[in-house]
Amino acid sequence: MMTKSEQQTAVAQPLEVPAEVIEVFEKAHRYLRESYGTCPSVADLMQYWLTGATSWDVVVEVERSLLGKSHPSQKSDVESVRDESSVQL
């Protein structure tokens, strides 16, 4: 667990986002714009994801990466239990 001072320092530092990650959000942006005629900016989509993702979402994405599962339909064993309170981080 980070201290309050560590949290403030972490927030103050810029985040370097790899080009391949930005491309994912650009694809989402294009899809949303084409589907709905409007969409938040790519930067806003990234911020929404970062602030809205739960620790469980992060665990699931890391598991997918580690297990080589690239499609959402390929779920890990624990992913189907989406009860974040049962995960000890």
N, C-alpha and C. Protein backbone atom coordinates (compact mmCIF):
# COMPACT_ATOMS: atom_id res chain seq x y z
N MET A 1 0.84 -1.17 0.00
CA MET A 1 0.00 0.00 0.00
C MET A 1 0.89 1.24 0.00
N MET A 2 0.60 2.17 -0.87
CA MET A 2 1.40 3.40 -0.94
C MET A 2 0.95 4.40 0.12
N THR A 3 1.92 5.15 0.63
CA THR A 3 1.59 6.22 1.56
C THR A 3 0.97 7.38 0.78
N LYS A 4 0.38 8.31 1.48
CA LYS A 4 -0.23 9.49 0.84
C LYS A 4 0.82 10.25 0.03
N SER A 5 2.01 10.40 0.57
CA SER A 5 3.08 11.10 -0.13
C SER A 5 3.47 10.37 -1.42
N GLU A 6 3.56 9.05 -1.36
CA GLU A 6 3.89 8.25 -2.55
C GLU A 6 2.79 8.37 -3.60
N GLN A 7 1.53 8.39 -3.16
CA GLN A 7 0.41 8.54 -4.09
C GLN A 7 0.48 9.89 -4.80
N GLN A 8 0.77 10.95 -4.06
CA GLN A 8 0.84 12.28 -4.66
C GLN A 8 1.99 12.36 -5.65
N THR A 9 3.11 11.73 -5.34
CA THR A 9 4.26 11.72 -6.24
C THR A 9 3.92 10.93 -7.50
N ALA A 10 3.26 9.80 -7.34
CA ALA A 10 2.90 8.96 -8.49
C ALA A 10 1.96 9.70 -9.42
N VAL A 11 1.03 10.45 -8.88
CA VAL A 11 0.07 11.20 -9.69
C VAL A 11 0.76 12.33 -10.44
N ALA A 12 1.77 12.92 -9.83
CA ALA A 12 2.43 14.07 -10.42
C ALA A 12 3.35 13.70 -11.58
N GLN A 13 3.72 12.44 -11.70
CA GLN A 13 4.63 12.03 -12.75
C GLN A 13 3.87 11.69 -14.02
N PRO A 14 4.41 12.13 -15.17
CA PRO A 14 3.74 11.79 -16.44
C PRO A 14 3.87 10.30 -16.72
N LEU A 15 2.92 9.80 -17.45
CA LEU A 15 2.90 8.39 -17.81
C LEU A 15 3.28 8.26 -19.27
N GLU A 16 4.30 7.46 -19.55
CA GLU A 16 4.71 7.21 -20.93
C GLU A 16 3.92 6.01 -21.44
N VAL A 17 3.16 6.22 -22.49
CA VAL A 17 2.31 5.17 -23.04
C VAL A 17 2.91 4.69 -24.35
N PRO A 18 3.19 3.38 -24.44
CA PRO A 18 3.76 2.84 -25.68
C PRO A 18 2.80 3.03 -26.86
N ALA A 19 3.38 3.18 -28.04
CA ALA A 19 2.60 3.42 -29.26
C ALA A 19 1.55 2.33 -29.49
N GLU A 20 1.89 1.07 -29.22
CA GLU A 20 0.93 0.00 -29.45
C GLU A 20 -0.28 0.08 -28.53
N VAL A 21 -0.09 0.66 -27.35
CA VAL A 21 -1.22 0.85 -26.44
C VAL A 21 -2.09 2.00 -26.94
N ILE A 22 -1.46 3.06 -27.39
CA ILE A 22 -2.21 4.19 -27.94
C ILE A 22 -3.04 3.73 -29.14
N GLU A 23 -2.48 2.85 -29.96
CA GLU A 23 -3.21 2.33 -31.13
C GLU A 23 -4.50 1.62 -30.72
N VAL A 24 -4.47 0.91 -29.61
CA VAL A 24 -5.68 0.22 -29.13
C VAL A 24 -6.78 1.24 -28.84
N PHE A 25 -6.41 2.34 -28.18
CA PHE A 25 -7.40 3.36 -27.86
C PHE A 25 -7.84 4.12 -29.11
N GLU A 26 -6.94 4.28 -30.08
CA GLU A 26 -7.32 4.91 -31.35
C GLU A 26 -8.34 4.04 -32.09
N LYS A 27 -8.17 2.74 -32.05
CA LYS A 27 -9.15 1.83 -32.68
C LYS A 27 -10.50 1.96 -31.98
N ALA A 28 -10.47 1.99 -30.66
CA ALA A 28 -11.72 2.14 -29.91
C ALA A 28 -12.38 3.47 -30.25
N HIS A 29 -11.58 4.51 -30.35
CA HIS A 29 -12.08 5.84 -30.69
C HIS A 29 -12.76 5.83 -32.05
N ARG A 30 -12.09 5.24 -33.05
CA ARG A 30 -12.69 5.17 -34.40
C ARG A 30 -14.00 4.39 -34.39
N TYR A 31 -14.01 3.26 -33.69
CA TYR A 31 -15.22 2.44 -33.61
C TYR A 31 -16.37 3.23 -32.98
N LEU A 32 -16.11 3.87 -31.87
CA LEU A 32 -17.16 4.63 -31.18
C LEU A 32 -17.65 5.80 -32.04
N ARG A 33 -16.73 6.50 -32.70
CA ARG A 33 -17.12 7.62 -33.56
C ARG A 33 -17.97 7.13 -34.73
N GLU A 34 -17.56 6.03 -35.36
CA GLU A 34 -18.33 5.47 -36.49
C GLU A 34 -19.69 4.96 -36.03
N SER A 35 -19.73 4.37 -34.85
CA SER A 35 -20.97 3.77 -34.35
C SER A 35 -21.95 4.80 -33.82
N TYR A 36 -21.44 5.84 -33.16
CA TYR A 36 -22.32 6.78 -32.47
C TYR A 36 -22.21 8.22 -32.96
N GLY A 37 -21.30 8.47 -33.88
CA GLY A 37 -21.17 9.82 -34.43
C GLY A 37 -20.38 10.77 -33.57
N THR A 38 -20.04 10.37 -32.38
CA THR A 38 -19.26 11.21 -31.47
C THR A 38 -18.50 10.31 -30.51
N CYS A 39 -17.47 10.86 -29.94
CA CYS A 39 -16.66 10.06 -29.02
C CYS A 39 -15.72 10.98 -28.27
N PRO A 40 -15.40 10.65 -27.01
CA PRO A 40 -14.37 11.41 -26.31
C PRO A 40 -13.03 11.26 -27.03
N SER A 41 -12.10 12.14 -26.76
CA SER A 41 -10.78 12.06 -27.37
C SER A 41 -10.07 10.79 -26.93
N VAL A 42 -9.01 10.42 -27.66
CA VAL A 42 -8.21 9.25 -27.30
C VAL A 42 -7.65 9.43 -25.89
N ALA A 43 -7.15 10.62 -25.59
CA ALA A 43 -6.61 10.89 -24.24
C ALA A 43 -7.68 10.70 -23.17
N ASP A 44 -8.90 11.16 -23.46
CA ASP A 44 -9.99 11.00 -22.49
C ASP A 44 -10.35 9.52 -22.32
N LEU A 45 -10.38 8.77 -23.42
CA LEU A 45 -10.67 7.32 -23.32
C LEU A 45 -9.63 6.63 -22.44
N MET A 46 -8.37 7.00 -22.62
CA MET A 46 -7.32 6.40 -21.80
C MET A 46 -7.50 6.77 -20.33
N GLN A 47 -7.85 8.01 -20.09
CA GLN A 47 -8.07 8.44 -18.70
C GLN A 47 -9.28 7.72 -18.10
N TYR A 48 -10.36 7.58 -18.86
CA TYR A 48 -11.54 6.86 -18.37
C TYR A 48 -11.18 5.43 -17.99
N TRP A 49 -10.39 4.78 -18.85
CA TRP A 49 -10.01 3.40 -18.58
C TRP A 49 -9.13 3.32 -17.33
N LEU A 50 -8.15 4.21 -17.24
CA LEU A 50 -7.25 4.17 -16.08
C LEU A 50 -7.98 4.45 -14.78
N THR A 51 -8.90 5.39 -14.79
CA THR A 51 -9.60 5.72 -13.55
C THR A 51 -10.76 4.78 -13.26
N GLY A 52 -11.26 4.11 -14.28
CA GLY A 52 -12.42 3.23 -14.09
C GLY A 52 -12.09 1.77 -13.89
N ALA A 53 -10.88 1.37 -14.26
CA ALA A 53 -10.52 -0.04 -14.14
C ALA A 53 -10.37 -0.42 -12.68
N THR A 54 -10.87 -1.57 -12.34
CA THR A 54 -10.72 -2.08 -10.98
C THR A 54 -9.43 -2.90 -10.91
N SER A 55 -9.01 -3.22 -9.71
CA SER A 55 -7.83 -4.07 -9.57
C SER A 55 -8.08 -5.43 -10.22
N TRP A 56 -9.33 -5.87 -10.20
CA TRP A 56 -9.69 -7.14 -10.84
C TRP A 56 -9.50 -7.05 -12.36
N ASP A 57 -9.88 -5.93 -12.96
CA ASP A 57 -9.66 -5.74 -14.39
C ASP A 57 -8.18 -5.85 -14.73
N VAL A 58 -7.34 -5.26 -13.90
CA VAL A 58 -5.90 -5.30 -14.12
C VAL A 58 -5.40 -6.74 -14.01
N VAL A 59 -5.84 -7.47 -12.98
CA VAL A 59 -5.45 -8.87 -12.81
C VAL A 59 -5.83 -9.69 -14.03
N VAL A 60 -7.05 -9.52 -14.52
CA VAL A 60 -7.53 -10.28 -15.68
C VAL A 60 -6.67 -9.98 -16.90
N GLU A 61 -6.36 -8.71 -17.15
CA GLU A 61 -5.55 -8.36 -18.31
C GLU A 61 -4.14 -8.93 -18.21
N VAL A 62 -3.56 -8.90 -17.02
CA VAL A 62 -2.22 -9.47 -16.85
C VAL A 62 -2.27 -10.98 -17.05
N GLU A 63 -3.29 -11.63 -16.49
CA GLU A 63 -3.44 -13.08 -16.70
C GLU A 63 -3.55 -13.41 -18.18
N ARG A 64 -4.36 -12.66 -18.90
CA ARG A 64 -4.51 -12.90 -20.34
C ARG A 64 -3.15 -12.80 -21.03
N SER A 65 -2.41 -11.78 -20.66
CA SER A 65 -1.10 -11.57 -21.27
C SER A 65 -0.15 -12.71 -20.93
N LEU A 66 -0.11 -13.09 -19.66
CA LEU A 66 0.79 -14.16 -19.23
C LEU A 66 0.41 -15.51 -19.81
N LEU A 67 -0.88 -15.73 -19.98
CA LEU A 67 -1.36 -17.01 -20.49
C LEU A 67 -1.47 -17.02 -22.00
N GLY A 68 -1.14 -15.90 -22.64
CA GLY A 68 -1.19 -15.83 -24.09
C GLY A 68 -2.60 -15.82 -24.64
N LYS A 69 -3.53 -15.34 -23.86
CA LYS A 69 -4.92 -15.29 -24.30
C LYS A 69 -5.23 -13.88 -24.77
N SER A 70 -5.50 -13.73 -26.05
CA SER A 70 -5.66 -12.39 -26.59
C SER A 70 -7.11 -12.00 -26.86
N HIS A 71 -8.01 -12.92 -26.77
CA HIS A 71 -9.40 -12.62 -27.09
C HIS A 71 -10.25 -12.71 -25.83
N PRO A 72 -11.16 -11.75 -25.62
CA PRO A 72 -11.98 -11.74 -24.42
C PRO A 72 -12.78 -13.02 -24.20
N SER A 73 -13.06 -13.76 -25.26
CA SER A 73 -13.85 -14.99 -25.07
C SER A 73 -13.00 -16.10 -24.46
N GLN A 74 -11.68 -15.93 -24.46
CA GLN A 74 -10.79 -16.89 -23.85
C GLN A 74 -10.54 -16.46 -22.42
N LYS A 75 -11.36 -16.92 -21.50
CA LYS A 75 -11.28 -16.45 -20.12
C LYS A 75 -10.36 -17.34 -19.30
N SER A 76 -9.70 -16.72 -18.33
CA SER A 76 -8.89 -17.48 -17.39
C SER A 76 -9.82 -18.19 -16.42
N ASP A 77 -9.27 -19.10 -15.64
CA ASP A 77 -10.08 -19.89 -14.72
C ASP A 77 -10.80 -19.02 -13.69
N VAL A 78 -10.12 -17.99 -13.19
CA VAL A 78 -10.73 -17.16 -12.16
C VAL A 78 -11.54 -16.00 -12.72
N GLU A 79 -11.40 -15.74 -13.99
CA GLU A 79 -12.06 -14.57 -14.57
C GLU A 79 -13.57 -14.65 -14.51
N SER A 80 -14.11 -15.84 -14.56
CA SER A 80 -15.57 -15.98 -14.56
C SER A 80 -16.18 -15.64 -13.21
N VAL A 81 -15.38 -15.53 -12.19
CA VAL A 81 -15.88 -15.23 -10.85
C VAL A 81 -15.77 -13.76 -10.58
N ARG A 82 -16.06 -12.85 -11.28
CA ARG A 82 -15.80 -11.41 -11.15
C ARG A 82 -16.18 -10.83 -9.81
N ASP A 83 -15.65 -11.38 -8.75
CA ASP A 83 -15.90 -10.84 -7.41
C ASP A 83 -14.57 -10.32 -6.88
N GLU A 84 -14.36 -9.03 -7.07
CA GLU A 84 -13.09 -8.43 -6.72
C GLU A 84 -12.78 -8.58 -5.23
N SER A 85 -13.79 -8.64 -4.39
CA SER A 85 -13.53 -8.75 -2.95
C SER A 85 -12.89 -10.08 -2.58
N SER A 86 -12.97 -11.07 -3.47
CA SER A 86 -12.39 -12.37 -3.16
C SER A 86 -10.93 -12.45 -3.56
N VAL A 87 -10.40 -11.42 -4.21
CA VAL A 87 -9.01 -11.42 -4.66
C VAL A 87 -8.17 -10.66 -3.64
N GLN A 88 -7.16 -11.30 -3.12
CA GLN A 88 -6.27 -10.66 -2.17
C GLN A 88 -5.07 -10.09 -2.92
N LEU A 89 -4.99 -8.77 -3.02
CA LEU A 89 -3.85 -8.13 -3.69
C LEU A 89 -2.95 -7.49 -2.69
